[in-house]
Protein backbone atom coordinates (compact mmCIF):
# COMPACT_ATOMS: atom_id res chain seq x y z
CA UNK A 1 0.00 0.00 0.00
CA UNK A 2 1.26 3.47 -0.86
CA UNK A 3 1.61 6.11 1.87
CA UNK A 4 -0.52 8.64 -0.01
CA UNK A 5 -3.47 8.21 -2.39
CA UNK A 6 -2.28 7.52 -5.92
CA UNK A 7 -3.86 7.35 -9.36
CA UNK A 8 -2.23 3.91 -9.70
CA UNK A 9 -4.73 2.69 -7.09
CA UNK A 10 -7.75 4.70 -8.24
CA UNK A 11 -11.28 3.34 -8.44
CA UNK A 12 -14.56 4.40 -10.02
CA UNK A 13 -17.69 3.75 -7.96
CA UNK A 14 -21.23 3.90 -9.35
CA UNK A 15 -23.56 5.37 -6.72
CA UNK A 16 -27.30 5.97 -6.66
CA UNK A 17 -28.33 8.83 -4.36
CA UNK A 18 -31.32 11.03 -3.59
CA UNK A 19 -31.68 14.02 -5.92
CA UNK A 20 -31.14 16.74 -3.33
CA UNK A 21 -28.85 19.80 -3.54
CA UNK A 22 -26.27 18.50 -1.04
CA UNK A 23 -26.08 14.91 -2.35
CA UNK A 24 -22.88 15.32 -4.35
CA UNK A 25 -21.01 17.28 -1.68
CA UNK A 26 -21.98 14.66 0.90
CA UNK A 27 -20.38 11.95 -1.27
CA UNK A 28 -17.13 13.84 -1.78
CA UNK A 29 -16.96 14.73 1.91
CA UNK A 30 -17.47 11.08 2.89
CA UNK A 31 -14.66 9.94 0.58
CA UNK A 32 -12.27 12.64 1.79
CA UNK A 33 -13.08 11.78 5.43
CA UNK A 34 -11.84 8.26 4.67
CA UNK A 35 -8.61 9.58 3.17
CA UNK A 36 -9.46 9.28 -0.52
CA UNK A 37 -9.06 12.04 -3.08
CA UNK A 38 -11.93 12.63 -5.51
CA UNK A 39 -10.57 13.23 -9.02
CA UNK A 40 -13.76 13.07 -11.12
CA UNK A 41 -17.50 13.04 -10.64
CA UNK A 42 -20.05 12.45 -13.41
CA UNK A 43 -23.85 12.23 -13.27
CA UNK A 44 -24.70 9.34 -15.61
CA UNK A 45 -28.47 9.13 -15.07
CA UNK A 46 -31.11 11.32 -13.50
CA UNK A 47 -34.73 10.98 -12.41
CA UNK A 48 -37.17 13.08 -10.41
CA UNK A 49 -36.13 11.55 -7.08
CA UNK A 50 -32.73 9.89 -7.59
CA UNK A 51 -29.55 10.34 -9.62
CA UNK A 52 -26.75 7.95 -10.59
CA UNK A 53 -23.22 9.26 -10.09
CA UNK A 54 -19.85 7.79 -11.11
CA UNK A 55 -17.23 8.93 -8.62
CA UNK A 56 -13.52 8.39 -9.34
CA UNK A 57 -11.08 8.67 -6.44
CA UNK A 58 -7.45 7.96 -5.70
CA UNK A 59 -6.75 5.49 -2.87
CA UNK A 60 -3.73 4.13 -1.00
CA UNK A 61 -4.32 0.57 -2.17
CA UNK A 62 -6.81 -2.30 -2.14
CA UNK A 63 -7.52 -2.21 1.59
CA UNK A 64 -8.07 1.54 1.57
CA UNK A 65 -10.40 1.23 -1.44
CA UNK A 66 -12.47 -1.33 0.45
CA UNK A 67 -12.69 1.03 3.43
CA UNK A 68 -13.96 3.84 1.20
CA UNK A 69 -16.63 1.62 -0.35
CA UNK A 70 -17.72 0.37 3.08
CA UNK A 71 -18.01 3.96 4.34
CA UNK A 72 -20.20 4.92 1.37
CA UNK A 73 -22.43 1.88 1.90
CA UNK A 74 -23.08 3.07 5.43
CA UNK A 75 -24.48 6.42 4.25
CA UNK A 76 -28.26 6.80 4.43
CA UNK A 77 -29.96 6.86 1.03
CA UNK A 78 -26.86 5.74 -0.90
CA UNK A 79 -26.85 2.58 -3.00
CA UNK A 80 -23.39 1.40 -4.06
CA UNK A 81 -23.22 -0.22 -7.49
CA UNK A 82 -20.25 -1.64 -9.42
CA UNK A 83 -16.72 -0.69 -8.32
CA UNK A 84 -14.06 -0.62 -11.03
CA UNK A 85 -10.31 -0.63 -10.49
CA UNK A 86 -9.03 1.75 -13.18
CA UNK A 87 -5.58 0.15 -13.39
CA UNK A 88 -7.01 -3.33 -13.94
CA UNK A 89 -9.42 -1.96 -16.56
CA UNK A 90 -6.45 -0.46 -18.40
CA UNK A 91 -4.80 -3.90 -18.55
CA UNK A 92 -7.84 -5.88 -19.76
CA UNK A 93 -6.76 -7.91 -22.78
CA UNK A 94 -3.18 -6.72 -22.44
CA UNK A 95 -1.62 -3.41 -23.52
CA UNK A 96 -0.16 -4.49 -26.87
CA UNK A 97 -1.32 -5.70 -30.28
CA UNK A 98 0.31 -6.47 -33.62
CA UNK A 99 -0.98 -4.79 -36.77
CA UNK A 100 0.02 -5.11 -40.39
CA UNK A 101 1.63 -2.01 -41.94
CA UNK A 102 0.42 -2.96 -45.42
CA UNK A 103 -3.14 -3.54 -46.67
CA UNK A 104 -4.27 -6.88 -48.08
CA UNK A 105 -7.04 -5.75 -50.44
CA UNK A 106 -6.85 -8.12 -53.39
CA UNK A 107 -4.94 -10.98 -55.03
CA UNK A 108 -2.12 -8.69 -56.16
CA UNK A 109 -1.48 -7.58 -52.56
CA UNK A 110 -1.59 -11.19 -51.40
CA UNK A 111 0.86 -12.29 -54.09
CA UNK A 112 3.41 -9.64 -53.08
CA UNK A 113 2.98 -9.81 -49.30
CA UNK A 114 2.97 -13.61 -49.22
CA UNK A 115 3.51 -16.32 -51.80
CA UNK A 116 4.87 -16.25 -54.45
CA UNK A 117 6.36 -12.73 -54.25
CA UNK A 118 7.74 -13.05 -50.72
CA UNK A 119 10.13 -15.76 -51.92
CA UNK A 120 12.14 -13.18 -53.87
CA UNK A 121 12.69 -11.16 -50.67
CA UNK A 122 13.68 -14.28 -48.75
CA UNK A 123 16.25 -15.12 -51.42
CA UNK A 124 17.66 -11.60 -51.27
CA UNK A 125 18.17 -11.88 -47.52
CA UNK A 126 19.71 -15.34 -47.87
CA UNK A 127 22.20 -13.87 -50.33
CA UNK A 128 22.87 -10.78 -48.19
CA UNK A 129 21.82 -11.17 -44.51
CA UNK A 130 22.37 -7.44 -43.86
CA UNK A 131 19.28 -6.81 -45.98
CA UNK A 132 17.14 -8.17 -43.11
CA UNK A 133 17.46 -4.78 -41.40
CA UNK A 134 16.09 -3.10 -44.52
CA UNK A 135 13.40 -5.59 -45.54
CA UNK A 136 11.96 -6.95 -42.25
CA UNK A 137 10.82 -5.83 -38.83
CA UNK A 138 14.33 -6.48 -37.57
CA UNK A 139 15.39 -2.90 -38.34
CA UNK A 140 13.19 -1.44 -35.57
CA UNK A 141 12.30 -4.28 -33.21
CA UNK A 142 13.77 -5.31 -29.87
CA UNK A 143 13.02 -8.08 -27.39
CA UNK A 144 12.24 -7.25 -23.76
CA UNK A 145 13.49 -10.41 -22.05
CA UNK A 146 12.89 -11.48 -18.44
CA UNK A 147 12.64 -14.53 -16.24
CA UNK A 148 10.52 -12.71 -13.66
CA UNK A 149 12.98 -13.11 -10.79
CA UNK A 150 13.50 -9.46 -9.83
CA UNK A 151 10.38 -7.54 -10.84
CA UNK A 152 10.22 -3.91 -9.67
CA UNK A 153 9.51 -3.95 -5.96
CA UNK A 154 7.88 -7.39 -6.19
CA UNK A 155 10.87 -9.73 -6.41
CA UNK A 156 10.66 -13.27 -7.80
CA UNK A 157 7.08 -13.50 -9.07
CA UNK A 158 7.82 -15.67 -12.11
CA UNK A 159 7.52 -15.09 -15.86
CA UNK A 160 3.72 -15.12 -16.16
CA UNK A 161 3.14 -12.53 -13.43
CA UNK A 162 5.92 -10.37 -14.86
CA UNK A 163 4.19 -10.06 -18.23
CA UNK A 164 2.21 -6.85 -17.41
CA UNK A 165 5.50 -5.10 -16.60
CA UNK A 166 7.12 -6.31 -19.83
CA UNK A 167 4.07 -5.19 -21.83
CA UNK A 168 4.34 -1.79 -20.16
CA UNK A 169 8.01 -1.56 -21.07
CA UNK A 170 7.19 -2.36 -24.69
CA UNK A 171 4.48 0.31 -24.71
CA UNK A 172 6.98 2.88 -23.42
CA UNK A 173 9.46 1.98 -26.17
CA UNK A 174 6.77 2.70 -28.75
CA UNK A 175 5.49 5.88 -27.12
CA UNK A 176 8.83 7.55 -26.51
CA UNK A 177 11.08 6.22 -29.28
CA UNK A 178 8.86 4.74 -31.98
CA UNK A 179 10.48 1.33 -31.39
CA UNK A 180 8.53 -1.91 -31.76
CA UNK A 181 9.29 -4.03 -28.70
CA UNK A 182 7.94 -7.44 -27.80
CA UNK A 183 7.82 -9.03 -24.31
CA UNK A 184 9.61 -12.36 -23.93
CA UNK A 185 8.99 -13.97 -20.52
CA UNK A 186 11.10 -17.12 -20.15
CA UNK A 187 10.01 -20.02 -17.96
CA UNK A 188 13.51 -20.82 -16.76
CA UNK A 189 16.04 -19.32 -14.38
CA UNK A 190 18.94 -21.37 -15.69
CA UNK A 191 21.66 -19.10 -17.07
CA UNK A 192 22.64 -21.50 -19.87
CA UNK A 193 19.04 -21.94 -20.97
CA UNK A 194 18.35 -18.19 -20.94
CA UNK A 195 21.47 -17.46 -22.99
CA UNK A 196 20.67 -20.24 -25.45
CA UNK A 197 17.04 -19.15 -25.83
CA UNK A 198 17.86 -15.49 -26.42
CA UNK A 199 20.51 -16.48 -28.97
CA UNK A 200 17.95 -18.69 -30.72
CA UNK A 201 15.37 -15.90 -31.10
CA UNK A 202 17.89 -13.12 -31.80
CA UNK A 203 17.58 -13.17 -35.64
CA UNK A 204 14.21 -11.40 -35.37
CA UNK A 205 15.53 -8.50 -33.31
CA UNK A 206 17.90 -5.54 -33.66
CA UNK A 207 18.55 -5.42 -29.92
CA UNK A 208 17.92 -7.20 -26.60
CA UNK A 209 16.65 -5.38 -23.51
CA UNK A 210 17.17 -7.60 -20.45
CA UNK A 211 14.72 -6.80 -17.69
CA UNK A 212 14.09 -7.80 -14.07
CA UNK A 213 16.58 -10.69 -13.90
CA UNK A 214 18.05 -11.16 -10.44
CA UNK A 215 21.69 -10.65 -9.54
CA UNK A 216 24.24 -12.10 -9.82
CA UNK A 217 22.87 -14.19 -12.71
CA UNK A 218 22.04 -11.05 -14.69
CA UNK A 219 25.74 -10.13 -14.88
CA UNK A 220 26.74 -13.42 -16.50
CA UNK A 221 23.73 -13.46 -18.82
CA UNK A 222 24.48 -9.98 -20.10
CA UNK A 223 28.21 -10.67 -20.38
CA UNK A 224 27.73 -13.85 -22.38
CA UNK A 225 25.05 -12.45 -24.68
CA UNK A 226 27.18 -9.40 -25.44
CA UNK A 227 30.06 -11.67 -26.38
CA UNK A 228 28.00 -14.07 -28.49
CA UNK A 229 25.47 -11.84 -30.30
CA UNK A 230 25.99 -9.32 -33.09
CA UNK A 231 23.27 -6.99 -31.76
CA UNK A 232 23.38 -4.71 -28.68
CA UNK A 233 22.39 -6.15 -25.30
CA UNK A 234 21.28 -3.68 -22.62
CA UNK A 235 20.22 -4.61 -19.09
CA UNK A 236 17.97 -1.69 -18.19
CA UNK A 237 17.90 -2.41 -14.45
CA UNK A 238 21.64 -1.85 -14.51
CA UNK A 239 22.50 0.64 -17.19
CA UNK A 240 19.25 2.57 -17.51
CA UNK A 241 19.30 3.22 -13.78
CA UNK A 242 22.96 4.24 -13.92
CA UNK A 243 22.43 6.68 -16.79
CA UNK A 244 19.53 8.48 -15.13
CA UNK A 245 21.20 8.55 -11.70
CA UNK A 246 24.39 10.06 -13.15
CA UNK A 247 22.43 12.63 -15.17
CA UNK A 248 20.48 13.70 -12.07
CA UNK A 249 23.66 13.84 -9.98
CA UNK A 250 25.45 15.90 -12.62
CA UNK A 251 22.79 18.60 -12.41
CA UNK A 252 22.34 18.33 -8.64
CA UNK A 253 26.06 18.95 -8.10
CA UNK A 254 25.80 22.10 -10.22
CA UNK A 255 23.00 23.37 -7.98
CA UNK A 256 24.95 22.81 -4.75
CA UNK A 257 28.26 23.99 -6.19
CA UNK A 258 30.20 20.73 -5.86
CA UNK A 259 32.08 18.42 -8.25
CA UNK A 260 31.82 14.67 -8.69
CA UNK A 261 35.54 14.25 -8.00
CA UNK A 262 35.29 16.24 -4.78
CA UNK A 263 32.26 14.71 -3.07
CA UNK A 264 31.83 11.75 -0.75
CA UNK A 265 29.16 9.40 -2.09
CA UNK A 266 27.36 6.67 -0.16
CA UNK A 267 25.65 4.07 -2.35
CA UNK A 268 23.08 1.75 -0.76
CA UNK A 269 22.67 -1.39 -2.83
CA UNK A 270 25.24 -3.71 -4.36
CA UNK A 271 23.00 -5.70 -6.68
CA UNK A 272 22.48 -5.23 -10.41
CA UNK A 273 21.45 -1.57 -10.27
CA UNK A 274 23.92 -0.61 -7.53
CA UNK A 275 26.88 -2.18 -9.31
CA UNK A 276 26.05 -0.45 -12.59
CA UNK A 277 25.53 2.91 -10.88
CA UNK A 278 28.87 2.47 -9.12
CA UNK A 279 30.77 1.66 -12.32
CA UNK A 280 29.30 4.62 -14.18
CA UNK A 281 30.04 6.97 -11.27
CA UNK A 282 33.65 5.84 -11.31
CA UNK A 283 33.81 6.24 -15.09
CA UNK A 284 32.46 9.79 -14.67
CA UNK A 285 35.24 10.70 -12.23
CA UNK A 286 33.90 9.87 -8.78
CA UNK A 287 36.72 9.13 -6.32
CA UNK A 288 35.24 8.62 -2.84
CA UNK A 289 32.40 6.12 -3.04
CA UNK A 290 31.35 3.88 -0.15
CA UNK A 291 28.97 1.01 -0.98
CA UNK A 292 26.74 -0.72 1.56
CA UNK A 293 24.49 -3.76 1.24
CA UNK A 294 22.31 -5.68 3.68
CA UNK A 295 25.43 -6.72 5.65
CA UNK A 296 26.84 -3.20 5.97
CA UNK A 297 29.69 -1.37 4.28
CA UNK A 298 31.57 -3.30 1.59
CA UNK A 299 35.26 -3.16 2.51
CA UNK A 300 38.40 -5.14 1.68
CA UNK A 301 38.54 -6.80 5.09
CA UNK A 302 34.92 -7.99 5.17
CA UNK A 303 34.58 -11.76 5.24
CA UNK A 304 32.58 -13.76 2.73
CA UNK A 305 32.68 -11.37 -0.22
CA UNK A 306 31.40 -12.74 -3.54
CA UNK A 307 33.54 -12.07 -6.63
CA UNK A 308 31.34 -9.10 -7.55
CA UNK A 309 31.54 -7.64 -4.04
CA UNK A 310 35.28 -8.24 -4.00
CA UNK A 311 35.55 -6.13 -7.15
CA UNK A 312 33.48 -3.43 -5.46
CA UNK A 313 35.68 -3.50 -2.36
CA UNK A 314 38.81 -3.21 -4.51
CA UNK A 315 37.56 -0.17 -6.43
CA UNK A 316 35.77 1.83 -3.71
CA UNK A 317 36.03 2.97 -0.10
CA UNK A 318 39.45 4.72 -0.22
CA UNK A 319 39.13 5.79 3.44
CA UNK A 320 38.57 2.23 4.66
CA UNK A 321 35.11 2.85 6.16
CA UNK A 322 33.52 -0.10 7.96
CA UNK A 323 30.30 -0.71 9.85
CA UNK A 324 26.74 0.28 9.04
CA UNK A 325 25.16 2.28 6.23
CA UNK A 326 24.00 4.89 8.72
CA UNK A 327 27.48 5.35 10.11
CA UNK A 328 28.86 5.73 6.58
CA UNK A 329 26.40 8.54 5.86
CA UNK A 330 27.95 10.86 8.45
CA UNK A 331 29.66 13.67 6.57
CA UNK A 332 28.71 12.33 3.12
CA UNK A 333 27.68 14.77 0.39
CA UNK A 334 25.55 12.34 -1.61
CA UNK A 335 23.32 9.37 -0.77
CA UNK A 336 22.12 7.17 -3.62
CA UNK A 337 19.74 4.37 -2.74
CA UNK A 338 18.89 1.46 -5.05
CA UNK A 339 18.11 -1.00 -2.29
CA UNK A 340 15.11 -1.35 0.04
CA UNK A 341 12.37 0.82 1.58
CA UNK A 342 12.61 2.73 4.83
CA UNK A 343 16.20 1.87 5.75
CA UNK A 344 17.29 5.40 6.69
CA UNK A 345 15.64 8.31 8.52
CA UNK A 346 15.71 12.07 8.57
CA UNK A 347 18.11 11.84 11.50
CA UNK A 348 20.57 9.97 9.28
CA UNK A 349 20.31 12.60 6.56
CA UNK A 350 20.92 15.28 9.21
CA UNK A 351 24.42 13.84 9.77
CA UNK A 352 25.41 14.41 6.16
CA UNK A 353 27.51 17.35 4.92
CA UNK A 354 25.90 20.75 4.29
CA UNK A 355 23.99 21.09 0.99
CA UNK A 356 23.56 17.32 0.79
CA UNK A 357 21.90 15.34 -2.01
CA UNK A 358 19.63 12.33 -1.42
CA UNK A 359 18.43 10.05 -4.22
CA UNK A 360 16.11 7.47 -2.62
CA UNK A 361 15.32 5.37 -5.68
CA UNK A 362 13.89 2.11 -4.33
CA UNK A 363 10.52 1.45 -5.94
CA UNK A 364 7.67 1.61 -5.16
CA UNK A 365 8.68 2.61 -1.61
CA UNK A 366 11.92 4.61 -1.28
CA UNK A 367 14.70 4.24 1.30
CA UNK A 368 13.31 7.28 3.12
CA UNK A 369 10.13 9.30 2.88
CA UNK A 370 11.06 12.18 0.54
CA UNK A 371 9.42 14.74 2.80
CA UNK A 372 11.54 13.54 5.74
CA UNK A 373 14.71 13.71 3.65
CA UNK A 374 13.86 17.20 2.41
CA UNK A 375 13.96 18.57 5.97
CA UNK A 376 17.75 18.15 5.94
CA UNK A 377 18.92 17.60 2.34
CA UNK A 378 19.04 20.43 -0.18
CA UNK A 379 18.08 18.16 -3.08
CA UNK A 380 15.91 15.03 -2.95
CA UNK A 381 15.10 12.69 -5.84
CA UNK A 382 13.11 9.45 -5.98
CA UNK A 383 11.85 6.96 -8.51
CA UNK A 384 8.26 8.01 -7.85
CA UNK A 385 6.08 10.15 -10.09
CA UNK A 386 4.30 11.91 -7.22
CA UNK A 387 7.39 13.82 -6.00
CA UNK A 388 9.73 16.28 -7.66
CA UNK A 389 12.89 14.99 -9.37
CA UNK A 390 11.64 11.62 -10.55
CA UNK A 391 14.71 9.56 -11.47
CA UNK A 392 13.02 7.19 -13.88
CA UNK A 393 14.61 4.74 -16.35
CA UNK A 394 12.13 5.76 -19.05
CA UNK A 395 14.29 8.87 -19.42
CA UNK A 396 17.10 6.65 -20.71
CA UNK A 397 16.21 3.36 -22.38
CA UNK A 398 14.04 4.65 -25.29
CA UNK A 399 16.70 7.14 -26.41
CA UNK A 400 19.53 4.68 -25.85
CA UNK A 401 17.93 2.04 -28.06
CA UNK A 402 16.81 4.61 -30.65
CA UNK A 403 20.44 5.66 -30.97
CA UNK A 404 21.71 2.08 -31.06
CA UNK A 405 19.25 1.07 -33.78
CA UNK A 406 19.90 4.18 -35.86
CA UNK A 407 23.65 3.51 -35.69
CA UNK A 408 23.08 -0.23 -36.35
CA UNK A 409 25.42 -0.75 -33.43
CA UNK A 410 26.34 -4.16 -32.05
CA UNK A 411 27.75 -3.14 -28.66
CA UNK A 412 27.13 -1.04 -25.56
CA UNK A 413 30.18 0.68 -24.04
CA UNK A 414 30.90 2.91 -21.03
CA UNK A 415 31.55 5.77 -23.43
CA UNK A 416 28.07 5.30 -24.85
CA UNK A 417 26.48 5.24 -21.37
CA UNK A 418 28.36 8.39 -20.35
CA UNK A 419 27.25 10.13 -23.54
CA UNK A 420 23.63 9.24 -22.76
CA UNK A 421 23.91 10.58 -19.20
CA UNK A 422 25.55 13.82 -20.35
CA UNK A 423 22.90 14.35 -23.01
CA UNK A 424 20.09 13.71 -20.54
CA UNK A 425 21.57 16.17 -18.04
CA UNK A 426 21.97 18.78 -20.79
CA UNK A 427 18.22 18.76 -21.53
CA UNK A 428 17.94 21.19 -18.59
CA UNK A 429 19.81 24.45 -19.11
CA UNK A 430 21.81 26.04 -16.30
CA UNK A 431 19.21 28.81 -16.12
CA UNK A 432 16.47 26.26 -15.44
CA UNK A 433 18.26 24.30 -12.71
CA UNK A 434 17.02 24.48 -9.13
CA UNK A 435 16.68 22.01 -6.22
CA UNK A 436 13.27 20.76 -7.46
CA UNK A 437 14.23 20.53 -11.15
CA UNK A 438 17.42 18.60 -11.79
CA UNK A 439 16.02 15.99 -14.19
CA UNK A 440 13.55 16.56 -17.04
CA UNK A 441 10.04 15.18 -17.28
CA UNK A 442 9.61 11.90 -19.11
CA UNK A 443 7.25 13.82 -21.43
CA UNK A 444 9.85 16.43 -22.37
CA UNK A 445 10.09 16.00 -26.17
CA UNK A 446 13.83 16.72 -26.19
CA UNK A 447 14.77 13.78 -23.98
CA UNK A 448 14.63 10.93 -26.48
CA UNK A 449 15.90 13.09 -29.34
CA UNK A 450 19.01 14.33 -27.51
CA UNK A 451 19.84 11.02 -25.84
CA UNK A 452 19.40 9.12 -29.12
CA UNK A 453 21.63 11.57 -31.01
CA UNK A 454 24.37 11.32 -28.37
CA UNK A 455 24.20 7.52 -28.30
CA UNK A 456 24.24 7.26 -32.09
CA UNK A 457 27.31 9.54 -32.27
CA UNK A 458 29.09 7.54 -29.56
CA UNK A 459 28.20 4.23 -31.23
CA UNK A 460 29.50 5.39 -34.62
CA UNK A 461 32.67 6.73 -33.02
C-alpha cells in the first residue's frame, strides 16, 4: 500500500443517491473523510427523485479502497453499485497488439505480401543477410526479455506474473522512441538456458533489452550475450538506472556547487542496479564512493565477499570505512539508494555534509520518505512520479535504443552510457536548474531526441 493516495490505485464507484442539492457534496466529503481524493464526478443518469453518479477517487491501495466503499455503503440513502479498479481496466486484454503495416485488399497484394512474391525477398536476404534490417521488422524491433525473478519492488514472481510489466516496457518503447518491442517472458532461471534461448530468437531482433533478472545471474547473462550476439544487449535495471542517476547527480552537483571528484558518495545497494551505478560513477570521475548492502559497508577486510563484491571493495572505499550504512552517511555529500524501503531516517540525513543530495530510488517505496529527507537535504530525488525529481529509467532506455538502432550498433560501451547521461543532463539548461528541477520530465520531447543523437554519435565513433 502506498503512503498517499495515488492514481495507480484509483477506483470508479457507481452510486445511486437522492436528488437533493447536497447529495454530491456529501459523497465527496465522505470519501475525503476516509482519506481518498476525488478526481472526477459524473452524473450518468437522473430521475425526479434519484440520480446515478460515477465517482472516481485515488486510494492508497486495495484495503483503503475497500474502506472507502464500506463507508459509502453506510451512508443513508446511498446505494453502491459496481466498483471498477481503473488500473485493472487499463490492462484488460493486455496493452499491446500487432498490426500489419500494409493492406491486403486483393490478389495482387496477397501475391506480393505472401507467396509467391515473398520468396524473392527471402532469397535476397539469404544472399545478403544485412538486408534483413532493410526488408523486415528487424530494423526497428527489440526483445524485452525477463525470467521474472526481480520484478520492480515485487521480487521473484515468475515469468507469467511479470508479463504486465514487460508489456508496459514495450508500450513505453513505442510511445517515446517509436520502437517496436515485444515481451519475452522465459520459464527458466537457468543461465545457460536463458542465454541459449535469447541467442535462438535473436535473428528477429535488432537489440535485446534484459529486464528484471536477479543478480548475480544477470551479470553473467548480459556478459555472455554481449560476447555471443551481433546486436546490442542492454540490461535496463543496470545501465538505464545508472544513466539516469548520473544525469540527475550531474545537475544536482551544479546546484549545490560541488564536483563529482570532490564529493563523498554513499551508495546503498550492491546488486544489479547498484553495481552499474557504481561503475558509471567511477567512469564519470567519482573518487570517494562507499557502498553498503544488507550486511553493511563493503570493505576489503569484510569476510565472505562474492567475486562481484570483491571487485566493489577493490575499487571503492578509499578511506577504509567499515560498519553500518548509517554510520557511513555521516559527513557524506551524496546518498544514492537502489536497495530497500525505509532503511534510513531524517536523523541519518541530518548527519550528512551541508547542501547534501539524497536520491532514494527504491521502488515503489523509497529508502526514506522524501518529505523527511527534504527537511535536511538540499536536493531530494526518488523513482516516484508523485514527488519532484523523478529519477526514472524511461528517461534513458528509449533514447539509448533509438540511438543504437539508428547507428546499427552491435555493442554497448561505457563511453556510450556516459554520452547518454551527459545528453540527458543537458536537456535542462543552467538557467532552469534548481533544487526541485534537476532531471527533465519523461514527457519532455527533447529527452529521447538528444539522448538518441548522443548515443548514435558515440556508437558510430
